[in-house]
Every structure is written in structure tokens, then in C-alpha cells.
Protein backbone atom coordinates (compact mmCIF):
# COMPACT_ATOMS: atom_id res chain seq x y z
CA MET A 1 79.97 108.53 97.80
CA LYS A 2 82.60 105.99 96.54
CA LYS A 3 79.84 103.70 95.15
CA ILE A 4 78.19 106.59 93.48
CA LEU A 5 81.45 107.65 91.80
CA ALA A 6 82.22 104.12 90.70
CA LEU A 7 78.70 103.80 89.14
CA ALA A 8 78.97 107.23 87.49
CA ALA A 9 82.40 106.35 85.94
CA ALA A 10 80.96 103.07 84.65
CA LEU A 11 77.91 104.86 83.19
CA VAL A 12 80.04 107.37 81.30
CA LEU A 13 81.99 104.52 79.78
CA ILE A 14 78.80 102.67 78.83
CA LEU A 15 77.24 105.80 77.30
CA CYS A 16 80.36 106.43 75.25
CA ALA A 17 80.33 102.99 73.74
CA CYS A 18 76.63 102.82 73.08
CA GLY A 19 75.76 102.71 69.39
CA ALA A 20 79.39 102.78 68.40
CA GLU A 21 80.88 100.03 66.16
CA LYS A 22 84.52 99.04 66.30
CA ILE A 23 86.75 100.68 63.75
CA GLU A 24 87.82 98.20 61.15
CA THR A 25 91.45 98.00 60.31
CA ASP A 26 93.54 96.45 57.50
CA TYR A 27 96.11 95.18 60.08
CA ASP A 28 96.22 91.87 61.87
CA PHE A 29 97.24 93.29 65.23
CA THR A 30 97.81 89.84 66.63
CA GLU A 31 100.31 88.95 64.03
CA VAL A 32 102.04 92.23 64.41
CA ALA A 33 102.15 91.83 68.17
CA GLU A 34 103.67 88.31 67.82
CA LYS A 35 106.37 89.49 65.55
CA THR A 36 107.05 92.53 67.80
CA MET A 37 107.26 90.38 70.86
CA ALA A 38 109.60 87.85 69.33
CA HIS A 39 111.80 90.70 68.02
CA ILE A 40 112.31 92.63 71.22
CA VAL A 41 113.08 89.45 73.17
CA GLU A 42 115.73 88.58 70.50
CA GLU A 43 117.19 92.10 70.75
CA ALA A 44 117.58 91.59 74.44
CA PRO A 45 119.58 88.31 74.99
CA ASN A 46 121.15 89.65 78.19
CA PRO A 47 118.47 91.92 79.89
CA GLY A 48 119.63 94.04 82.89
CA HIS A 49 118.80 97.15 84.77
CA SER A 50 118.29 99.39 81.64
CA HIS A 51 115.27 101.09 80.07
CA ILE A 52 116.50 99.90 76.61
CA ASN A 53 116.63 96.12 75.61
CA GLY A 54 116.20 95.60 79.40
CA GLU A 55 113.47 96.00 82.01
CA TRP A 56 110.68 97.24 79.85
CA THR A 57 111.19 94.25 77.52
CA VAL A 58 111.07 91.89 80.46
CA ILE A 59 107.97 93.54 81.85
CA VAL A 60 105.99 93.32 78.68
CA ALA A 61 106.93 89.69 77.99
CA ALA A 62 105.95 88.63 81.42
CA ARG A 63 102.80 90.66 81.28
CA ARG A 64 101.81 88.87 78.07
CA GLY A 65 102.76 85.54 79.33
CA GLU A 66 105.16 85.14 76.39
CA GLU A 67 107.41 82.08 75.88
CA VAL A 68 110.93 83.25 76.33
CA PRO A 69 114.28 81.53 76.21
CA GLU A 70 114.96 79.24 79.04
CA GLY A 71 116.60 81.03 81.93
CA TRP A 72 115.90 84.55 80.30
CA TYR A 73 114.22 85.87 83.45
CA ASP A 74 116.84 84.51 85.61
CA ILE A 75 119.51 86.37 83.62
CA TYR A 76 117.75 89.57 84.38
CA TYR A 77 117.52 88.84 88.04
CA GLU A 78 121.18 87.90 88.25
CA ASN A 79 122.21 91.01 86.40
CA LEU A 80 120.21 93.16 88.71
CA CYS A 81 121.79 91.55 91.78
CA LYS A 82 125.20 92.20 90.27
CA THR A 83 124.40 95.83 89.62
CA LEU A 84 122.97 96.42 93.17
CA LYS A 85 126.23 94.88 94.64
CA GLU A 86 128.43 97.01 92.39
CA CYS A 87 126.59 100.25 93.45
CA ASP A 88 126.02 99.34 97.06
CA GLY A 89 122.34 99.26 96.49
CA GLU A 90 122.02 102.77 95.05
CA LEU A 91 120.58 102.50 91.60
CA SER A 92 120.17 106.24 91.35
CA GLY A 93 120.93 109.22 93.63
CA THR A 94 118.37 111.41 91.77
CA LYS A 95 115.75 109.26 89.97
CA HIS A 96 113.52 107.09 92.08
CA SER A 97 111.94 105.82 88.88
CA ASP A 98 114.94 103.63 88.40
CA TYR A 99 113.88 101.82 91.54
CA SER A 100 110.23 101.72 90.49
CA ARG A 101 111.23 100.15 87.12
CA ALA A 102 113.22 97.46 88.91
CA VAL A 103 110.38 96.76 91.35
CA LEU A 104 108.00 96.49 88.44
CA THR A 105 110.26 93.99 86.67
CA LEU A 106 110.80 91.90 89.75
CA SER A 107 107.07 91.80 90.40
CA ALA A 108 106.30 90.80 86.83
CA ILE A 109 108.70 87.76 87.08
CA GLY A 110 107.62 86.66 90.53
CA LYS A 111 110.80 87.76 92.53
CA ASP A 112 110.65 89.53 95.99
CA PRO A 113 111.70 93.23 95.79
CA THR A 114 112.26 93.24 99.53
CA ASN A 115 115.30 91.12 99.27
CA VAL A 116 117.41 91.44 96.13
CA ALA A 117 121.04 90.66 96.79
CA GLY A 118 120.28 91.57 100.43
CA TYR A 119 118.53 94.88 99.56
CA ASN A 120 114.97 95.83 100.32
CA LEU A 121 114.06 98.13 97.28
CA LEU A 122 110.72 99.12 98.86
CA GLU A 123 112.46 100.96 101.60
CA THR A 124 113.28 103.70 99.10
CA TYR A 125 109.59 104.49 98.84
CA ALA A 126 109.62 105.63 102.47
CA ASP A 127 111.92 108.62 101.47
CA TYR A 128 109.35 111.13 100.18
CA ASP A 129 111.99 113.79 99.36
CA PHE A 130 113.87 111.30 97.25
CA VAL A 131 110.83 109.97 95.36
CA THR A 132 109.53 113.45 94.65
CA HIS A 133 112.95 114.88 93.73
CA GLN A 134 112.54 114.24 89.96
CA GLY A 135 109.11 115.81 89.97
CA ILE A 136 105.86 114.07 89.50
CA PRO A 137 107.44 111.23 87.41
CA GLY A 138 108.84 109.89 90.54
CA SER A 139 105.46 109.91 92.28
CA ILE A 140 103.78 108.46 89.17
CA PHE A 141 106.04 105.37 88.98
CA ALA A 142 106.03 104.93 92.69
CA LEU A 143 102.31 104.52 92.63
CA ILE A 144 102.34 102.26 89.53
CA SER A 145 105.10 99.95 90.96
CA LEU A 146 103.46 99.85 94.51
CA ASP A 147 100.05 99.09 93.06
CA CYS A 148 101.19 96.36 90.52
CA LEU A 149 100.85 93.92 93.43
CA GLY A 150 99.63 96.02 96.37
CA TYR A 151 102.87 96.53 98.18
CA GLU A 152 102.98 98.39 101.47
CA ILE A 153 105.55 101.29 102.10
CA PRO A 154 107.70 100.32 105.01
CA GLY A 155 107.57 102.36 108.12
CA GLY A 156 104.05 103.58 107.85
CA GLU A 157 104.93 107.30 107.91
CA ILE A 158 104.82 107.80 104.09
CA THR A 159 101.61 106.77 102.39
CA ARG A 160 100.24 106.39 98.85
CA GLU A 161 97.88 109.33 99.53
CA MET A 162 100.94 111.61 99.83
CA TYR A 163 102.17 110.67 96.37
CA ILE A 164 98.62 111.02 95.06
CA ASP A 165 98.31 114.53 96.58
CA HIS A 166 101.71 115.39 95.11
CA ILE A 167 100.57 114.63 91.58
CA LEU A 168 97.10 116.36 92.16
CA SER A 169 98.90 119.43 93.35
CA GLU A 170 100.71 119.80 90.15
CA GLU A 171 97.55 119.45 87.79
CA TYR A 172 97.36 122.32 85.20
CA GLU A 173 94.32 124.54 85.31
CA GLY A 174 91.71 122.90 82.99
CA GLY A 175 93.31 119.45 83.35
CA GLY A 176 96.49 117.59 82.45
CA TRP A 177 100.10 117.69 83.71
CA ALA A 178 103.57 118.72 82.33
CA LEU A 179 107.02 119.24 83.70
CA MET A 180 107.35 122.71 82.11
CA GLY A 181 105.66 125.05 79.74
CA GLU A 182 102.16 126.52 79.62
CA ASP A 183 100.33 123.51 78.03
CA PRO A 184 99.80 120.02 79.45
CA ASP A 185 102.25 117.37 78.05
CA VAL A 186 100.35 114.37 76.45
CA ASP A 187 102.97 111.69 77.68
CA LEU A 188 102.94 112.83 81.31
CA THR A 189 99.18 113.28 81.39
CA ALA A 190 98.76 109.73 80.06
CA GLN A 191 101.19 108.33 82.68
CA VAL A 192 99.35 110.11 85.47
CA ILE A 193 96.09 108.39 84.23
CA GLN A 194 98.06 105.08 84.34
CA ALA A 195 99.06 105.75 87.98
CA PHE A 196 95.59 106.81 88.92
CA ALA A 197 93.67 104.00 87.27
CA PRO A 198 93.37 101.83 90.41
CA TYR A 199 91.76 104.82 92.20
CA TYR A 200 89.49 105.81 89.39
CA GLY A 201 85.81 105.67 90.37
CA THR A 202 86.50 105.27 94.03
CA ASN A 203 88.57 108.47 94.96
CA GLU A 204 86.55 111.62 94.21
CA LYS A 205 89.57 113.96 93.57
CA VAL A 206 91.33 111.45 91.37
CA THR A 207 88.19 110.53 89.39
CA ALA A 208 87.55 114.29 88.64
CA ALA A 209 91.18 114.91 87.67
CA VAL A 210 91.29 111.88 85.41
CA ASP A 211 88.11 112.90 83.65
CA ARG A 212 89.62 116.35 83.03
CA ALA A 213 92.76 114.62 81.70
CA VAL A 214 90.77 112.51 79.29
CA ALA A 215 89.00 115.51 78.00
CA VAL A 216 92.39 117.24 77.43
CA LEU A 217 93.76 114.23 75.55
CA SER A 218 90.66 114.08 73.33
CA GLU A 219 90.90 117.82 72.59
CA VAL A 220 94.53 117.63 71.53
CA GLN A 221 94.43 114.55 69.41
CA LYS A 222 95.12 115.11 65.73
CA PRO A 223 92.88 114.32 62.84
CA ASP A 224 95.03 111.35 61.98
CA GLY A 225 94.48 109.85 65.37
CA GLY A 226 97.92 110.70 66.77
CA PHE A 227 99.29 113.31 69.18
CA PHE A 228 101.93 116.10 69.02
CA ALA A 229 104.54 116.12 71.77
CA TRP A 230 108.17 117.24 72.10
CA GLU A 231 108.00 119.19 68.92
CA ALA A 232 106.79 116.38 66.73
CA GLU A 233 104.30 113.64 66.39
CA ASN A 234 105.72 110.36 67.54
CA VAL A 235 104.56 106.85 68.17
CA GLN A 236 105.53 106.61 71.89
CA THR A 237 103.14 109.39 72.82
CA ALA A 238 100.32 107.57 71.18
CA ASP A 239 101.34 104.34 72.90
CA GLN A 240 101.15 105.96 76.33
CA VAL A 241 97.65 107.25 75.65
CA ILE A 242 96.52 103.72 74.63
CA ILE A 243 97.96 102.18 77.91
CA ALA A 244 96.21 104.93 79.84
CA LEU A 245 92.81 104.83 78.20
CA SER A 246 92.67 101.09 78.26
CA ALA A 247 93.49 101.24 82.05
CA ILE A 248 90.39 103.13 82.73
CA GLY A 249 88.00 101.14 80.62
CA ILE A 250 87.90 103.40 77.51
CA ASP A 251 87.64 101.30 74.21
CA ILE A 252 89.76 103.23 71.80
CA ARG A 253 88.01 101.42 68.89
CA THR A 254 84.57 102.68 69.81
CA ASP A 255 84.82 105.81 71.97
CA GLU A 256 83.94 108.78 69.72
CA ARG A 257 86.18 111.08 71.84
CA PHE A 258 89.18 109.34 70.35
CA ILE A 259 88.15 108.65 66.79
CA LYS A 260 88.92 111.65 64.58
CA ASP A 261 87.99 111.82 60.91
CA GLY A 262 87.56 107.97 61.02
CA ASN A 263 91.02 107.57 62.46
CA TRP A 264 91.90 105.93 65.76
CA ILE A 265 95.05 105.51 67.88
CA GLY A 266 95.61 101.85 67.01
CA SER A 267 95.66 102.49 63.22
CA TYR A 268 97.83 105.58 63.93
CA ILE A 269 100.76 103.64 65.50
CA MET A 270 100.87 101.34 62.52
CA LYS A 271 102.13 104.28 60.49
CA TYR A 272 105.45 103.79 62.35
CA TYR A 273 105.64 99.98 61.63
CA LEU A 274 108.74 98.99 59.73
CA GLY A 275 107.96 95.39 59.37
CA GLU A 276 109.26 92.27 61.18
CA GLY A 277 108.28 93.50 64.53
CA ALA A 278 110.11 96.97 64.43
CA PHE A 279 108.88 100.50 64.94
CA SER A 280 110.35 103.87 64.44
CA HIS A 281 110.13 106.81 66.84
CA THR A 282 109.02 109.35 64.20
CA LEU A 283 108.16 108.74 60.57
CA ASP A 284 110.77 108.06 57.97
CA MET A 285 113.27 107.06 60.70
CA PRO A 286 115.02 103.75 61.34
CA GLU A 287 113.98 101.48 64.22
CA ASN A 288 113.96 102.81 67.70
CA ALA A 289 114.22 100.24 70.50
CA MET A 290 112.20 102.27 72.99
CA ALA A 291 109.50 102.89 70.39
CA THR A 292 109.32 99.17 69.66
CA ASP A 293 109.00 98.26 73.31
CA GLN A 294 106.34 100.88 73.95
CA CYS A 295 104.29 99.75 70.90
CA MET A 296 104.50 96.27 72.31
CA GLN A 297 103.10 97.58 75.60
CA ALA A 298 100.19 99.31 73.70
CA PHE A 299 99.46 95.99 71.93
CA VAL A 300 99.32 94.15 75.22
CA SER A 301 97.23 96.82 76.73
CA MET A 302 94.70 96.35 73.93
CA GLU A 303 94.73 92.63 74.42
CA LEU A 304 94.12 92.95 78.16
CA PHE A 305 91.42 95.45 77.74
CA GLU A 306 89.39 92.75 76.03
CA LYS A 307 89.85 90.67 79.19
CA GLY A 308 88.90 93.50 81.45
CA GLU A 309 92.47 93.81 82.81
CA ARG A 310 95.02 96.72 83.12
CA PHE A 311 98.63 96.53 81.99
CA TYR A 312 100.01 97.43 85.38
CA ASP A 313 97.90 95.06 87.35
CA PHE A 314 100.24 92.05 87.72
CA SER A 315 97.95 90.02 89.98
CA SER A 316 96.91 87.75 87.06
CA ILE A 317 100.47 86.95 85.86
CA ALA A 318 101.12 83.20 86.15
CA LYS A 319 104.12 82.78 88.45
């Protein structure tokens, strides 16, 4: 059954791409990516345990294999160790994703998450109630961070399958996920696809749920190639979709499901480009650091797609 699912998933991707030509663009994505990468590293001279000018910047730089200032990764590691000592190893009492983000960053820079200032961060994954306390985002990023390098959950009582089942149990009728409301949320649905990517084509329930989610994302995509979320169109939502689709082998430049009126997601995010490597969250707004970080993740995802790699698979990062 697993082999059949894998072949079926591959066939779907092939059929979607057949006869399609890549969308042409006026933008040099390589040049924009270079400027964006340099900009976000410059804006984070002292990276630490933070989702802004911190861990996500370190992750995307390491994933791309970027040349960074000497000792820059060590600065992050030393800052994380300091934070852990100051908080007695408790990065958060309510959000396990804070631990997942730290584990992802450590994994990207070749550090051992089982011994950081004397703390084993993987032990937190064995606390199912804590991981799921914040809803499915806890399970999403637990899976993403565990699978970035194939970590095992200590103890043996809590398994990946439990977190997979938790996410599947929250799927909306018709496909997709959200924390609240009657309709699926694009960001969360895209992040679930990212978490499920390693299991796509081999796990029957996951594969079916991902296929439903892809259909939902295609259906809600706007004619300009973007997506509406949190009461407005914004660039981060489109970025998350790019990371997700690239992770399961969908070419966003050729797949007709994600090309609307000649517009594709890559050209859409460039509407938010302010120049010199900076992006805004919404149109006609100043630079937003989180938006710039996530656009860089989208660029790297597109680059990795051409190599047949996923953004959150760190096995190919040169240590």
C-alpha cells in the first residue's frame, strides 16, 4: 500500500506539470535572494532565542549555506545557553514551539540539542500535554523539528504518530486546518503540509489529508496569485504556501492549480519588495522583519526545490 501511495503521489505531480511551461518573471530572484540574505544577517548581529532577528534568520542562513560573519553561529549558541541558564531550562511554560524553534536552529548549525548548557531540549517532546497545550501549532513544529534530522523522542512512550493523529483529528471537513472560525486558515494549513511532507506518499491518512489541503489552498488563492488571511492579503501567508508546496514536490511555476490569471505565488510576493532586501507585511507599509525572514525562507525553498530538497530537511547541510 505504501508503494502504491508513493507512486500515485508522484504520478499526480507529473501529470500536473506535463505540458506546462514555467511562468516567466521580470525579477531576478537570485539577485533579490542575495540582497535579502545579506540584509537579514546584517539586521541580526547578535542573534538569540527570538523569532525576530534571531532564530529564523540563523535557520535560513544555515539552510542556504550562506557565508556569515565569523563566529556568528557561535554567538547564537552562547546566547541560547545564557537564556537557558537564566530561565532554569524553561524557555516557555505554555508554548512548546519555542523549544522546537531552538531545536531547529541548533540542528541547522550542527549543535547537539540533547546537551545545551546541560539541558536536553528533546525531553520536552515526551510531555504530550505540554506540546499540545497550544493547539496543533505545538504538534506541527514538534514534528518539523524532530524530522529535520530524524530525532527520537526520549522515553519511548510518546511517539510521532501521536502528534500526527492530533493534527489529523483537527482537520476541517473538506480539508484544511485553523485555530478558530468556520473556514480553514491558509497559514496553518500550509504549516501542516510542511510538517506532513516527510510522510506524504507513504502514510495513507496523511497523504489524503495533504491532498485535500492542497485543493483547499488552490481554491482560495486569489486571481493575483496571493492569499487572504487575518483580514488582509499579506506576504507571509504566501511565503508559507511556497514552503509547503515546494516540500511536497509541487512546482509553483508550472502547476496550473496555483497559477491564476497568469499570476503565480513567486511574482505575488515581489509586490511586497521594498528594495535592498527588505519586504513589507502588507502593501504600502514599511519593512517588517518577520516578513523579510519568511520571504527569504520562500526563496530558499524555491532554490531547494530545483535540487529536489525540502526546506526543513537538514540532512544535507554542510556541518
